Amino acid sequence: MVDAKYIHLVKSPRVRPGLTGLVFACTALLLISCGTAGQSADAEAADVVLVDLDAAAKVDTWTTVNDPVMGGTSTSRIAYGDGGLVFSGTISLENNGGFASARSPQDPEIGRKATGATSLRVHARGDGKTYLLKVGIAAQPWSYIQRFTTEAAVQRTYDLPVEGFQPVGMRLDPEPDAPQNLDPSSIDQVAVYILDKQQGPFQITVSAIEAVA
């Protein structure tokens, strides 16, 4: 609200024209500044946390699934540390193996909170390797995936556009029967994978996954 004393100064015949212009300029800057601050607050409010991994109890609800289920020998583990879920292990290509994954529990609230999102944002500290975010769909056999390449030892965010997710089946093969476009409101699970023949040790720490409107 503009202070009443400024209105009085503008209306007063004793105020010189130059001072009147200065008062108007200051008032305009004040209004613009307030408007910009409001827009910034709205922008921050638009980001909704889908998965928060800032406590050990939350990390403990996740599980790992690796290639030994298909005869491989890769290993992985999850633990709480450095403010998030530490997903680490070793990828082996023996016996046609080569993947490991960390998966959240199923929760339809993820989709409810993601409704209307244009991208999913992963907060993570990686090791320079490429990881994959997979989102499960409630009551459907297919999922959607998108890769992101990390910076070694750098904490940063990775914005994955909703339109960039691809439908896949159980073995991450293309799924032609699934809708080609991901509906964020249908997500009920998230998972982080490493594959693509990236043999050797790996480690990524994920602190949160958000929906960005």
N, C-alpha and C. Protein backbone atom coordinates (compact mmCIF):
# COMPACT_ATOMS: atom_id res chain seq x y z
N MET A 1 0.86 -1.19 0.00
CA MET A 1 0.00 0.00 0.00
C MET A 1 0.89 1.23 0.00
N VAL A 2 0.56 2.24 -0.80
CA VAL A 2 1.34 3.46 -0.89
C VAL A 2 1.05 4.31 0.33
N ASP A 3 2.10 4.80 0.99
CA ASP A 3 1.95 5.62 2.19
C ASP A 3 1.18 6.90 1.87
N ALA A 4 0.28 7.32 2.80
CA ALA A 4 -0.55 8.51 2.60
C ALA A 4 0.29 9.76 2.46
N LYS A 5 1.46 9.81 3.08
CA LYS A 5 2.28 11.02 3.00
C LYS A 5 2.78 11.27 1.59
N TYR A 6 2.97 10.16 0.80
CA TYR A 6 3.39 10.33 -0.59
C TYR A 6 2.25 10.94 -1.40
N ILE A 7 1.01 10.50 -1.14
CA ILE A 7 -0.13 11.06 -1.85
C ILE A 7 -0.26 12.54 -1.54
N HIS A 8 -0.03 12.91 -0.26
CA HIS A 8 -0.11 14.31 0.13
C HIS A 8 0.94 15.14 -0.60
N LEU A 9 2.15 14.61 -0.71
CA LEU A 9 3.22 15.34 -1.39
C LEU A 9 2.90 15.57 -2.85
N VAL A 10 2.33 14.56 -3.50
CA VAL A 10 2.01 14.68 -4.92
C VAL A 10 0.94 15.74 -5.14
N LYS A 11 -0.06 15.78 -4.25
CA LYS A 11 -1.17 16.71 -4.41
C LYS A 11 -0.81 18.13 -3.97
N SER A 12 0.16 18.27 -3.12
CA SER A 12 0.48 19.57 -2.57
C SER A 12 1.01 20.50 -3.64
N PRO A 13 0.49 21.74 -3.77
CA PRO A 13 0.95 22.69 -4.79
C PRO A 13 2.33 23.23 -4.48
N ARG A 14 2.82 23.01 -3.26
CA ARG A 14 4.13 23.54 -2.91
C ARG A 14 5.26 22.64 -3.38
N VAL A 15 4.94 21.41 -3.81
CA VAL A 15 5.97 20.47 -4.24
C VAL A 15 6.41 20.81 -5.65
N ARG A 16 7.71 20.90 -5.87
CA ARG A 16 8.24 21.24 -7.19
C ARG A 16 7.99 20.09 -8.15
N PRO A 17 7.83 20.38 -9.46
CA PRO A 17 7.57 19.31 -10.45
C PRO A 17 8.62 18.20 -10.42
N GLY A 18 9.88 18.58 -10.23
CA GLY A 18 10.93 17.55 -10.21
C GLY A 18 10.75 16.58 -9.07
N LEU A 19 10.35 17.10 -7.90
CA LEU A 19 10.13 16.23 -6.74
C LEU A 19 8.93 15.33 -6.95
N THR A 20 7.88 15.90 -7.63
CA THR A 20 6.70 15.08 -7.93
C THR A 20 7.07 13.88 -8.78
N GLY A 21 7.89 14.12 -9.81
CA GLY A 21 8.32 13.01 -10.67
C GLY A 21 9.12 11.98 -9.92
N LEU A 22 9.94 12.47 -8.98
CA LEU A 22 10.75 11.54 -8.18
C LEU A 22 9.86 10.66 -7.30
N VAL A 23 8.81 11.28 -6.72
CA VAL A 23 7.88 10.51 -5.88
C VAL A 23 7.19 9.43 -6.69
N PHE A 24 6.73 9.80 -7.90
CA PHE A 24 6.08 8.81 -8.75
C PHE A 24 7.03 7.67 -9.11
N ALA A 25 8.28 8.01 -9.42
CA ALA A 25 9.26 6.98 -9.80
C ALA A 25 9.51 6.02 -8.65
N CYS A 26 9.67 6.59 -7.44
CA CYS A 26 9.91 5.74 -6.26
C CYS A 26 8.72 4.83 -5.98
N THR A 27 7.51 5.42 -6.14
CA THR A 27 6.30 4.62 -5.91
C THR A 27 6.20 3.47 -6.89
N ALA A 28 6.52 3.76 -8.16
CA ALA A 28 6.47 2.72 -9.19
C ALA A 28 7.46 1.61 -8.90
N LEU A 29 8.68 1.99 -8.48
CA LEU A 29 9.68 0.97 -8.16
C LEU A 29 9.24 0.11 -7.00
N LEU A 30 8.57 0.75 -6.01
CA LEU A 30 8.08 0.00 -4.85
C LEU A 30 7.04 -1.03 -5.27
N LEU A 31 6.12 -0.62 -6.15
CA LEU A 31 5.06 -1.53 -6.60
C LEU A 31 5.63 -2.66 -7.42
N ILE A 32 6.61 -2.35 -8.30
CA ILE A 32 7.23 -3.39 -9.14
C ILE A 32 7.97 -4.38 -8.28
N SER A 33 8.70 -3.87 -7.27
CA SER A 33 9.46 -4.74 -6.38
C SER A 33 8.55 -5.70 -5.65
N CYS A 34 7.42 -5.18 -5.14
CA CYS A 34 6.48 -6.04 -4.42
C CYS A 34 5.89 -7.09 -5.34
N GLY A 35 5.59 -6.71 -6.57
CA GLY A 35 5.03 -7.65 -7.52
C GLY A 35 6.00 -8.75 -7.87
N THR A 36 7.29 -8.39 -8.04
CA THR A 36 8.30 -9.39 -8.36
C THR A 36 8.48 -10.37 -7.23
N ALA A 37 8.47 -9.86 -5.98
CA ALA A 37 8.62 -10.75 -4.82
C ALA A 37 7.48 -11.74 -4.77
N GLY A 38 6.26 -11.29 -5.09
CA GLY A 38 5.12 -12.19 -5.08
C GLY A 38 5.24 -13.26 -6.13
N GLN A 39 5.77 -12.91 -7.31
CA GLN A 39 5.94 -13.89 -8.38
C GLN A 39 6.97 -14.94 -7.98
N SER A 40 8.06 -14.51 -7.32
CA SER A 40 9.08 -15.47 -6.89
C SER A 40 8.50 -16.46 -5.89
N ALA A 41 7.68 -15.96 -4.97
CA ALA A 41 7.07 -16.86 -3.98
C ALA A 41 6.16 -17.85 -4.66
N ASP A 42 5.39 -17.39 -5.68
CA ASP A 42 4.51 -18.30 -6.39
C ASP A 42 5.31 -19.36 -7.12
N ALA A 43 6.46 -18.97 -7.72
CA ALA A 43 7.28 -19.93 -8.47
C ALA A 43 7.82 -21.01 -7.55
N GLU A 44 8.27 -20.61 -6.34
CA GLU A 44 8.78 -21.60 -5.40
C GLU A 44 7.67 -22.53 -4.94
N ALA A 45 6.46 -21.97 -4.77
CA ALA A 45 5.35 -22.79 -4.29
C ALA A 45 4.92 -23.82 -5.33
N ALA A 46 5.28 -23.58 -6.61
CA ALA A 46 4.86 -24.46 -7.68
C ALA A 46 5.60 -25.80 -7.63
N ASP A 47 6.78 -25.86 -7.00
CA ASP A 47 7.55 -27.08 -6.90
C ASP A 47 7.02 -27.91 -5.73
N VAL A 48 6.57 -29.13 -6.02
CA VAL A 48 5.96 -29.98 -5.00
C VAL A 48 6.87 -31.19 -4.76
N VAL A 49 7.20 -31.45 -3.51
CA VAL A 49 8.05 -32.59 -3.17
C VAL A 49 7.23 -33.87 -3.29
N LEU A 50 7.67 -34.77 -4.15
CA LEU A 50 7.01 -36.06 -4.32
C LEU A 50 7.62 -37.11 -3.40
N VAL A 51 8.95 -37.08 -3.30
CA VAL A 51 9.68 -38.03 -2.46
C VAL A 51 10.76 -37.27 -1.72
N ASP A 52 10.69 -37.28 -0.41
CA ASP A 52 11.69 -36.60 0.42
C ASP A 52 12.50 -37.65 1.15
N LEU A 53 13.83 -37.61 0.98
CA LEU A 53 14.69 -38.64 1.55
C LEU A 53 15.67 -38.05 2.56
N ASP A 54 15.17 -37.10 3.36
CA ASP A 54 16.03 -36.39 4.29
C ASP A 54 16.11 -37.03 5.67
N ALA A 55 15.61 -38.26 5.80
CA ALA A 55 15.65 -38.94 7.09
C ALA A 55 15.84 -40.44 6.88
N ALA A 56 16.51 -41.08 7.82
CA ALA A 56 16.80 -42.51 7.70
C ALA A 56 15.52 -43.34 7.61
N ALA A 57 14.47 -42.94 8.36
CA ALA A 57 13.23 -43.70 8.34
C ALA A 57 12.60 -43.73 6.95
N LYS A 58 12.76 -42.67 6.19
CA LYS A 58 12.20 -42.62 4.85
C LYS A 58 13.02 -43.49 3.89
N VAL A 59 14.32 -43.46 4.05
CA VAL A 59 15.20 -44.29 3.21
C VAL A 59 14.96 -45.77 3.45
N ASP A 60 14.66 -46.12 4.70
CA ASP A 60 14.46 -47.54 5.06
C ASP A 60 13.27 -48.17 4.35
N THR A 61 12.38 -47.37 3.80
CA THR A 61 11.21 -47.93 3.11
C THR A 61 11.54 -48.34 1.67
N TRP A 62 12.71 -47.95 1.17
CA TRP A 62 13.11 -48.30 -0.19
C TRP A 62 13.74 -49.69 -0.23
N THR A 63 13.73 -50.31 -1.41
CA THR A 63 14.34 -51.63 -1.60
C THR A 63 15.20 -51.63 -2.86
N THR A 64 16.07 -52.62 -2.95
CA THR A 64 16.89 -52.78 -4.16
C THR A 64 16.45 -54.02 -4.93
N VAL A 65 16.52 -53.93 -6.25
CA VAL A 65 16.30 -55.07 -7.14
C VAL A 65 17.40 -55.01 -8.19
N ASN A 66 18.19 -56.09 -8.26
CA ASN A 66 19.35 -56.11 -9.15
C ASN A 66 19.27 -57.27 -10.14
N ASP A 67 20.27 -57.37 -10.99
CA ASP A 67 20.22 -58.38 -12.05
C ASP A 67 20.33 -59.84 -11.59
N PRO A 68 20.71 -60.17 -10.34
CA PRO A 68 20.65 -61.57 -9.94
C PRO A 68 19.27 -62.21 -10.12
N VAL A 69 18.20 -61.40 -10.17
CA VAL A 69 16.89 -61.98 -10.42
C VAL A 69 16.80 -62.56 -11.83
N MET A 70 17.79 -62.21 -12.68
CA MET A 70 17.84 -62.73 -14.05
C MET A 70 19.13 -63.51 -14.30
N GLY A 71 19.86 -63.83 -13.22
CA GLY A 71 21.08 -64.61 -13.36
C GLY A 71 22.36 -63.82 -13.31
N GLY A 72 22.29 -62.49 -13.17
CA GLY A 72 23.50 -61.67 -13.12
C GLY A 72 24.16 -61.67 -11.76
N THR A 73 25.23 -60.89 -11.64
CA THR A 73 25.98 -60.87 -10.37
C THR A 73 26.22 -59.46 -9.84
N SER A 74 25.51 -58.49 -10.35
CA SER A 74 25.67 -57.12 -9.85
C SER A 74 25.15 -57.03 -8.42
N THR A 75 25.70 -56.09 -7.66
CA THR A 75 25.28 -55.90 -6.28
C THR A 75 24.97 -54.42 -6.03
N SER A 76 24.09 -54.15 -5.06
CA SER A 76 23.81 -52.78 -4.67
C SER A 76 23.27 -52.75 -3.26
N ARG A 77 23.28 -51.56 -2.68
CA ARG A 77 22.76 -51.37 -1.33
C ARG A 77 22.26 -49.93 -1.22
N ILE A 78 21.39 -49.71 -0.26
CA ILE A 78 20.92 -48.37 0.02
C ILE A 78 21.14 -48.07 1.50
N ALA A 79 21.44 -46.81 1.79
CA ALA A 79 21.67 -46.38 3.15
C ALA A 79 21.38 -44.90 3.24
N TYR A 80 21.15 -44.44 4.45
CA TYR A 80 20.96 -43.00 4.64
C TYR A 80 22.30 -42.36 4.94
N GLY A 81 22.60 -41.26 4.26
CA GLY A 81 23.84 -40.55 4.50
C GLY A 81 23.93 -39.29 3.66
N ASP A 82 24.66 -38.31 4.13
CA ASP A 82 24.87 -37.06 3.40
C ASP A 82 23.55 -36.40 3.03
N GLY A 83 22.55 -36.55 3.90
CA GLY A 83 21.28 -35.88 3.68
C GLY A 83 20.36 -36.52 2.68
N GLY A 84 20.58 -37.80 2.36
CA GLY A 84 19.71 -38.44 1.38
C GLY A 84 19.91 -39.93 1.31
N LEU A 85 19.32 -40.54 0.28
CA LEU A 85 19.45 -41.97 0.05
C LEU A 85 20.72 -42.23 -0.77
N VAL A 86 21.64 -42.96 -0.18
CA VAL A 86 22.88 -43.32 -0.87
C VAL A 86 22.67 -44.68 -1.54
N PHE A 87 22.69 -44.68 -2.86
CA PHE A 87 22.51 -45.89 -3.65
C PHE A 87 23.86 -46.21 -4.27
N SER A 88 24.44 -47.36 -3.87
CA SER A 88 25.79 -47.69 -4.32
C SER A 88 25.93 -49.18 -4.56
N GLY A 89 27.01 -49.56 -5.22
CA GLY A 89 27.25 -50.97 -5.50
C GLY A 89 28.23 -51.16 -6.64
N THR A 90 28.14 -52.32 -7.27
CA THR A 90 29.03 -52.66 -8.38
C THR A 90 28.24 -53.34 -9.48
N ILE A 91 28.38 -52.84 -10.69
CA ILE A 91 27.72 -53.44 -11.85
C ILE A 91 28.65 -54.43 -12.52
N SER A 92 28.13 -55.63 -12.72
CA SER A 92 28.87 -56.69 -13.41
C SER A 92 28.11 -57.09 -14.68
N LEU A 93 28.86 -57.35 -15.74
CA LEU A 93 28.24 -57.77 -16.99
C LEU A 93 28.25 -59.29 -17.15
N GLU A 94 28.68 -60.01 -16.12
CA GLU A 94 28.71 -61.47 -16.18
C GLU A 94 27.30 -62.03 -16.28
N ASN A 95 27.19 -63.15 -16.98
CA ASN A 95 25.91 -63.86 -17.13
C ASN A 95 24.81 -62.97 -17.70
N ASN A 96 25.23 -62.08 -18.62
CA ASN A 96 24.28 -61.17 -19.28
C ASN A 96 23.59 -60.22 -18.30
N GLY A 97 24.29 -59.94 -17.19
CA GLY A 97 23.75 -58.99 -16.23
C GLY A 97 24.13 -57.57 -16.59
N GLY A 98 23.91 -56.66 -15.63
CA GLY A 98 24.32 -55.28 -15.89
C GLY A 98 23.38 -54.21 -15.40
N PHE A 99 22.58 -54.49 -14.35
CA PHE A 99 21.75 -53.41 -13.83
C PHE A 99 21.53 -53.56 -12.33
N ALA A 100 21.21 -52.42 -11.71
CA ALA A 100 20.83 -52.39 -10.30
C ALA A 100 19.81 -51.26 -10.14
N SER A 101 18.93 -51.39 -9.16
CA SER A 101 17.90 -50.37 -8.97
C SER A 101 17.55 -50.20 -7.50
N ALA A 102 17.12 -48.98 -7.17
CA ALA A 102 16.59 -48.65 -5.85
C ALA A 102 15.17 -48.16 -6.05
N ARG A 103 14.21 -48.73 -5.32
CA ARG A 103 12.80 -48.47 -5.59
C ARG A 103 12.06 -48.00 -4.34
N SER A 104 11.20 -47.02 -4.54
CA SER A 104 10.35 -46.55 -3.44
C SER A 104 9.19 -47.51 -3.25
N PRO A 105 8.51 -47.43 -2.11
CA PRO A 105 7.25 -48.20 -1.98
C PRO A 105 6.18 -47.58 -2.87
N GLN A 106 5.17 -48.36 -3.21
CA GLN A 106 4.07 -47.83 -4.01
C GLN A 106 3.24 -46.89 -3.15
N ASP A 107 2.86 -45.76 -3.74
CA ASP A 107 2.12 -44.74 -3.00
C ASP A 107 1.34 -43.88 -3.99
N PRO A 108 0.02 -44.01 -4.05
CA PRO A 108 -0.77 -43.21 -4.99
C PRO A 108 -0.71 -41.71 -4.71
N GLU A 109 -0.25 -41.33 -3.52
CA GLU A 109 -0.12 -39.91 -3.20
C GLU A 109 0.92 -39.23 -4.09
N ILE A 110 1.88 -40.00 -4.61
CA ILE A 110 2.88 -39.43 -5.51
C ILE A 110 2.19 -38.84 -6.73
N GLY A 111 1.27 -39.60 -7.31
CA GLY A 111 0.56 -39.12 -8.49
C GLY A 111 -0.34 -37.94 -8.18
N ARG A 112 -0.98 -37.99 -7.03
CA ARG A 112 -1.86 -36.87 -6.67
C ARG A 112 -1.07 -35.57 -6.59
N LYS A 113 0.11 -35.64 -5.98
CA LYS A 113 0.93 -34.44 -5.83
C LYS A 113 1.59 -34.03 -7.15
N ALA A 114 1.76 -34.99 -8.08
CA ALA A 114 2.41 -34.68 -9.35
C ALA A 114 1.45 -34.18 -10.42
N THR A 115 0.17 -34.16 -10.14
CA THR A 115 -0.83 -33.75 -11.13
C THR A 115 -0.49 -32.37 -11.71
N GLY A 116 -0.47 -32.30 -13.03
CA GLY A 116 -0.19 -31.04 -13.71
C GLY A 116 1.27 -30.71 -13.89
N ALA A 117 2.17 -31.60 -13.45
CA ALA A 117 3.61 -31.32 -13.56
C ALA A 117 4.06 -31.31 -15.01
N THR A 118 5.02 -30.44 -15.31
CA THR A 118 5.62 -30.41 -16.65
C THR A 118 6.99 -31.08 -16.64
N SER A 119 7.58 -31.25 -15.47
CA SER A 119 8.85 -31.97 -15.36
C SER A 119 9.00 -32.54 -13.96
N LEU A 120 9.87 -33.52 -13.84
CA LEU A 120 10.24 -34.10 -12.55
C LEU A 120 11.69 -33.70 -12.28
N ARG A 121 11.94 -33.25 -11.08
CA ARG A 121 13.26 -32.73 -10.72
C ARG A 121 13.92 -33.64 -9.70
N VAL A 122 15.12 -34.12 -10.03
CA VAL A 122 15.88 -35.00 -9.13
C VAL A 122 17.01 -34.19 -8.50
N HIS A 123 17.04 -34.18 -7.17
CA HIS A 123 18.14 -33.55 -6.44
C HIS A 123 19.14 -34.66 -6.09
N ALA A 124 20.34 -34.57 -6.62
CA ALA A 124 21.28 -35.69 -6.42
C ALA A 124 22.73 -35.25 -6.51
N ARG A 125 23.57 -36.04 -5.87
CA ARG A 125 25.02 -35.93 -6.02
C ARG A 125 25.48 -37.24 -6.66
N GLY A 126 26.00 -37.16 -7.87
CA GLY A 126 26.35 -38.37 -8.61
C GLY A 126 27.84 -38.63 -8.70
N ASP A 127 28.18 -39.53 -9.62
CA ASP A 127 29.58 -39.93 -9.79
C ASP A 127 30.03 -39.80 -11.24
N GLY A 128 29.28 -39.07 -12.04
CA GLY A 128 29.63 -38.90 -13.44
C GLY A 128 28.99 -39.94 -14.35
N LYS A 129 28.29 -40.91 -13.79
CA LYS A 129 27.64 -41.94 -14.59
C LYS A 129 26.21 -41.54 -14.93
N THR A 130 25.62 -42.27 -15.86
CA THR A 130 24.26 -42.00 -16.29
C THR A 130 23.29 -42.90 -15.52
N TYR A 131 22.26 -42.27 -14.97
CA TYR A 131 21.24 -43.00 -14.23
C TYR A 131 19.90 -42.84 -14.93
N LEU A 132 18.94 -43.59 -14.48
CA LEU A 132 17.63 -43.61 -15.10
C LEU A 132 16.57 -43.46 -14.02
N LEU A 133 15.64 -42.55 -14.22
CA LEU A 133 14.50 -42.43 -13.31
C LEU A 133 13.33 -43.16 -13.95
N LYS A 134 12.79 -44.11 -13.20
CA LYS A 134 11.62 -44.87 -13.68
C LYS A 134 10.44 -44.55 -12.78
N VAL A 135 9.29 -44.26 -13.40
CA VAL A 135 8.08 -44.01 -12.62
C VAL A 135 7.06 -45.10 -12.94
N GLY A 136 6.56 -45.75 -11.90
CA GLY A 136 5.55 -46.79 -12.06
C GLY A 136 4.17 -46.18 -12.16
N ILE A 137 3.30 -46.88 -12.86
CA ILE A 137 1.93 -46.41 -13.10
C ILE A 137 0.94 -47.31 -12.37
N ALA A 138 0.04 -46.70 -11.63
CA ALA A 138 -0.92 -47.46 -10.83
C ALA A 138 -1.74 -48.40 -11.69
N ALA A 139 -1.80 -49.68 -11.27
CA ALA A 139 -2.63 -50.72 -11.90
C ALA A 139 -2.27 -51.00 -13.36
N GLN A 140 -1.03 -50.70 -13.76
CA GLN A 140 -0.60 -50.96 -15.13
C GLN A 140 0.71 -51.73 -15.14
N PRO A 141 0.94 -52.57 -16.16
CA PRO A 141 2.19 -53.33 -16.22
C PRO A 141 3.36 -52.54 -16.79
N TRP A 142 3.09 -51.35 -17.33
CA TRP A 142 4.16 -50.56 -17.92
C TRP A 142 4.61 -49.44 -16.98
N SER A 143 5.76 -48.88 -17.32
CA SER A 143 6.33 -47.75 -16.58
C SER A 143 6.85 -46.74 -17.60
N TYR A 144 7.43 -45.65 -17.10
CA TYR A 144 8.03 -44.64 -17.97
C TYR A 144 9.42 -44.32 -17.45
N ILE A 145 10.35 -44.10 -18.38
CA ILE A 145 11.75 -43.88 -18.00
C ILE A 145 12.34 -42.67 -18.69
N GLN A 146 13.36 -42.11 -18.04
CA GLN A 146 14.17 -41.06 -18.66
C GLN A 146 15.54 -41.06 -17.99
N ARG A 147 16.59 -40.92 -18.79
CA ARG A 147 17.96 -40.93 -18.29
C ARG A 147 18.44 -39.52 -17.92
N PHE A 148 19.42 -39.48 -17.01
CA PHE A 148 20.10 -38.23 -16.71
C PHE A 148 21.55 -38.55 -16.35
N THR A 149 22.46 -37.75 -16.87
CA THR A 149 23.89 -37.96 -16.65
C THR A 149 24.38 -37.03 -15.55
N THR A 150 24.99 -37.60 -14.52
CA THR A 150 25.38 -36.83 -13.35
C THR A 150 26.76 -36.19 -13.52
N GLU A 151 27.02 -35.22 -12.67
CA GLU A 151 28.36 -34.64 -12.54
C GLU A 151 29.00 -35.25 -11.30
N ALA A 152 30.23 -35.71 -11.46
CA ALA A 152 30.91 -36.38 -10.35
C ALA A 152 31.11 -35.44 -9.17
N ALA A 153 30.65 -35.90 -8.00
CA ALA A 153 30.84 -35.21 -6.72
C ALA A 153 30.22 -33.82 -6.68
N VAL A 154 29.22 -33.56 -7.53
CA VAL A 154 28.56 -32.26 -7.57
C VAL A 154 27.09 -32.43 -7.20
N GLN A 155 26.65 -31.68 -6.20
CA GLN A 155 25.23 -31.68 -5.83
C GLN A 155 24.49 -30.74 -6.77
N ARG A 156 23.51 -31.24 -7.49
CA ARG A 156 22.76 -30.40 -8.42
C ARG A 156 21.37 -30.99 -8.66
N THR A 157 20.58 -30.26 -9.43
CA THR A 157 19.25 -30.73 -9.78
C THR A 157 19.22 -31.13 -11.24
N TYR A 158 18.40 -32.13 -11.56
CA TYR A 158 18.24 -32.63 -12.92
C TYR A 158 16.76 -32.55 -13.27
N ASP A 159 16.41 -31.66 -14.18
CA ASP A 159 15.02 -31.48 -14.59
C ASP A 159 14.71 -32.39 -15.77
N LEU A 160 13.75 -33.29 -15.58
CA LEU A 160 13.39 -34.27 -16.61
C LEU A 160 11.98 -33.93 -17.11
N PRO A 161 11.87 -33.38 -18.32
CA PRO A 161 10.55 -33.00 -18.84
C PRO A 161 9.61 -34.20 -18.92
N VAL A 162 8.37 -33.98 -18.55
CA VAL A 162 7.38 -35.06 -18.62
C VAL A 162 7.30 -35.63 -20.03
N GLU A 163 7.39 -34.75 -21.02
CA GLU A 163 7.27 -35.21 -22.41
C GLU A 163 8.46 -36.05 -22.85
N GLY A 164 9.54 -36.06 -22.05
CA GLY A 164 10.72 -36.84 -22.40
C GLY A 164 10.70 -38.26 -21.87
N PHE A 165 9.69 -38.63 -21.07
CA PHE A 165 9.60 -40.00 -20.54
C PHE A 165 9.06 -40.94 -21.61
N GLN A 166 9.67 -42.13 -21.68
CA GLN A 166 9.29 -43.13 -22.67
C GLN A 166 8.65 -44.34 -21.99
N PRO A 167 7.57 -44.89 -22.55
CA PRO A 167 6.92 -46.06 -21.95
C PRO A 167 7.73 -47.33 -22.18
N VAL A 168 7.84 -48.15 -21.12
CA VAL A 168 8.59 -49.41 -21.22
C VAL A 168 7.84 -50.52 -20.50
N GLY A 169 8.21 -51.76 -20.83
CA GLY A 169 7.63 -52.92 -20.18
C GLY A 169 8.48 -53.38 -19.00
N MET A 170 8.27 -54.61 -18.57
CA MET A 170 8.93 -55.15 -17.39
C MET A 170 10.45 -55.14 -17.52
N ARG A 171 10.97 -55.38 -18.73
CA ARG A 171 12.42 -55.45 -18.93
C ARG A 171 12.99 -54.15 -19.50
N LEU A 172 12.23 -53.07 -19.34
CA LEU A 172 12.63 -51.76 -19.84
C LEU A 172 12.68 -51.70 -21.36
N ASP A 173 12.01 -52.65 -22.03
CA ASP A 173 11.89 -52.61 -23.47
C ASP A 173 10.74 -51.67 -23.84
N PRO A 174 10.77 -51.06 -25.04
CA PRO A 174 9.66 -50.19 -25.46
C PRO A 174 8.32 -50.91 -25.34
N GLU A 175 7.30 -50.20 -24.88
CA GLU A 175 5.98 -50.79 -24.67
C GLU A 175 4.97 -50.08 -25.59
N PRO A 176 4.69 -50.68 -26.77
CA PRO A 176 3.81 -50.03 -27.74
C PRO A 176 2.36 -49.94 -27.29
N ASP A 177 1.95 -50.77 -26.33
CA ASP A 177 0.54 -50.75 -25.90
C ASP A 177 0.25 -49.65 -24.88
N ALA A 178 1.29 -49.05 -24.35
CA ALA A 178 1.09 -48.01 -23.34
C ALA A 178 0.86 -46.65 -24.02
N PRO A 179 0.13 -45.75 -23.37
CA PRO A 179 0.03 -44.38 -23.89
C PRO A 179 1.43 -43.79 -24.06
N GLN A 180 1.67 -43.11 -25.14
CA GLN A 180 3.00 -42.59 -25.40
C GLN A 180 3.37 -41.43 -24.49
N ASN A 181 2.38 -40.74 -23.94
CA ASN A 181 2.64 -39.60 -23.07
C ASN A 181 2.37 -39.95 -21.61
N LEU A 182 3.32 -39.65 -20.76
CA LEU A 182 3.17 -39.89 -19.33
C LEU A 182 2.13 -38.94 -18.73
N ASP A 183 1.22 -39.50 -17.94
CA ASP A 183 0.28 -38.72 -17.16
C ASP A 183 0.81 -38.71 -15.72
N PRO A 184 1.38 -37.59 -15.27
CA PRO A 184 1.99 -37.56 -13.93
C PRO A 184 1.04 -37.95 -12.81
N SER A 185 -0.25 -37.71 -12.98
CA SER A 185 -1.21 -38.01 -11.92
C SER A 185 -1.37 -39.51 -11.68
N SER A 186 -0.88 -40.33 -12.60
CA SER A 186 -1.03 -41.78 -12.47
C SER A 186 0.19 -42.46 -11.82
N ILE A 187 1.23 -41.69 -11.49
CA ILE A 187 2.45 -42.26 -10.90
C ILE A 187 2.17 -42.77 -9.48
N ASP A 188 2.64 -43.97 -9.19
CA ASP A 188 2.50 -44.48 -7.82
C ASP A 188 3.81 -45.03 -7.26
N GLN A 189 4.91 -44.89 -8.01
CA GLN A 189 6.20 -45.39 -7.53
C GLN A 189 7.32 -44.72 -8.32
N VAL A 190 8.47 -44.53 -7.68
CA VAL A 190 9.64 -44.03 -8.40
C VAL A 190 10.82 -44.96 -8.11
N ALA A 191 11.74 -45.03 -9.06
CA ALA A 191 12.92 -45.88 -8.89
C ALA A 191 14.10 -45.25 -9.63
N VAL A 192 15.29 -45.51 -9.12
CA VAL A 192 16.52 -45.05 -9.77
C VAL A 192 17.29 -46.29 -10.20
N TYR A 193 17.67 -46.32 -11.49
CA TYR A 193 18.40 -47.45 -12.07
C TYR A 193 19.77 -47.01 -12.55
N ILE A 194 20.69 -47.97 -12.60
CA ILE A 194 21.92 -47.83 -13.36
C ILE A 194 22.03 -49.06 -14.24
N LEU A 195 22.32 -48.85 -15.52
CA LEU A 195 22.46 -49.95 -16.48
C LEU A 195 23.35 -49.47 -17.63
N ASP A 196 23.01 -49.77 -18.87
CA ASP A 196 23.77 -49.30 -20.05
C ASP A 196 25.22 -49.77 -20.05
N LYS A 197 25.46 -50.98 -19.51
CA LYS A 197 26.80 -51.59 -19.52
C LYS A 197 27.85 -50.72 -18.81
N GLN A 198 27.44 -49.99 -17.78
CA GLN A 198 28.37 -49.17 -17.01
C GLN A 198 29.01 -50.01 -15.91
N GLN A 199 29.95 -50.83 -16.33
CA GLN A 199 30.58 -51.81 -15.44
C GLN A 199 31.41 -51.12 -14.36
N GLY A 200 31.40 -51.72 -13.15
CA GLY A 200 32.23 -51.22 -12.08
C GLY A 200 31.44 -50.56 -10.97
N PRO A 201 32.13 -49.95 -10.01
CA PRO A 201 31.47 -49.35 -8.86
C PRO A 201 30.67 -48.10 -9.24
N PHE A 202 29.64 -47.81 -8.47
CA PHE A 202 28.82 -46.62 -8.69
C PHE A 202 28.31 -46.12 -7.36
N GLN A 203 27.94 -44.84 -7.33
CA GLN A 203 27.30 -44.28 -6.14
C GLN A 203 26.58 -42.98 -6.49
N ILE A 204 25.36 -42.87 -6.06
CA ILE A 204 24.58 -41.64 -6.22
C ILE A 204 23.79 -41.42 -4.94
N THR A 205 23.72 -40.16 -4.52
CA THR A 205 22.93 -39.79 -3.36
C THR A 205 21.76 -38.93 -3.81
N VAL A 206 20.56 -39.42 -3.59
CA VAL A 206 19.34 -38.71 -3.99
C VAL A 206 18.68 -38.16 -2.74
N SER A 207 18.50 -36.83 -2.69
CA SER A 207 17.91 -36.22 -1.50
C SER A 207 16.41 -35.94 -1.65
N ALA A 208 15.94 -35.77 -2.90
CA ALA A 208 14.52 -35.50 -3.10
C ALA A 208 14.17 -35.60 -4.58
N ILE A 209 12.89 -35.86 -4.85
CA ILE A 209 12.35 -35.82 -6.20
C ILE A 209 11.11 -34.93 -6.13
N GLU A 210 11.05 -33.95 -7.02
CA GLU A 210 9.96 -32.97 -7.00
C GLU A 210 9.20 -32.97 -8.31
N ALA A 211 7.98 -32.43 -8.26
CA ALA A 211 7.20 -32.15 -9.45
C ALA A 211 7.25 -30.64 -9.69
N VAL A 212 7.54 -30.27 -10.92
CA VAL A 212 7.63 -28.85 -11.29
C VAL A 212 6.51 -28.52 -12.24
N ALA A 213 5.67 -27.57 -11.89
CA ALA A 213 4.53 -27.20 -12.72
C ALA A 213 4.97 -26.35 -13.90
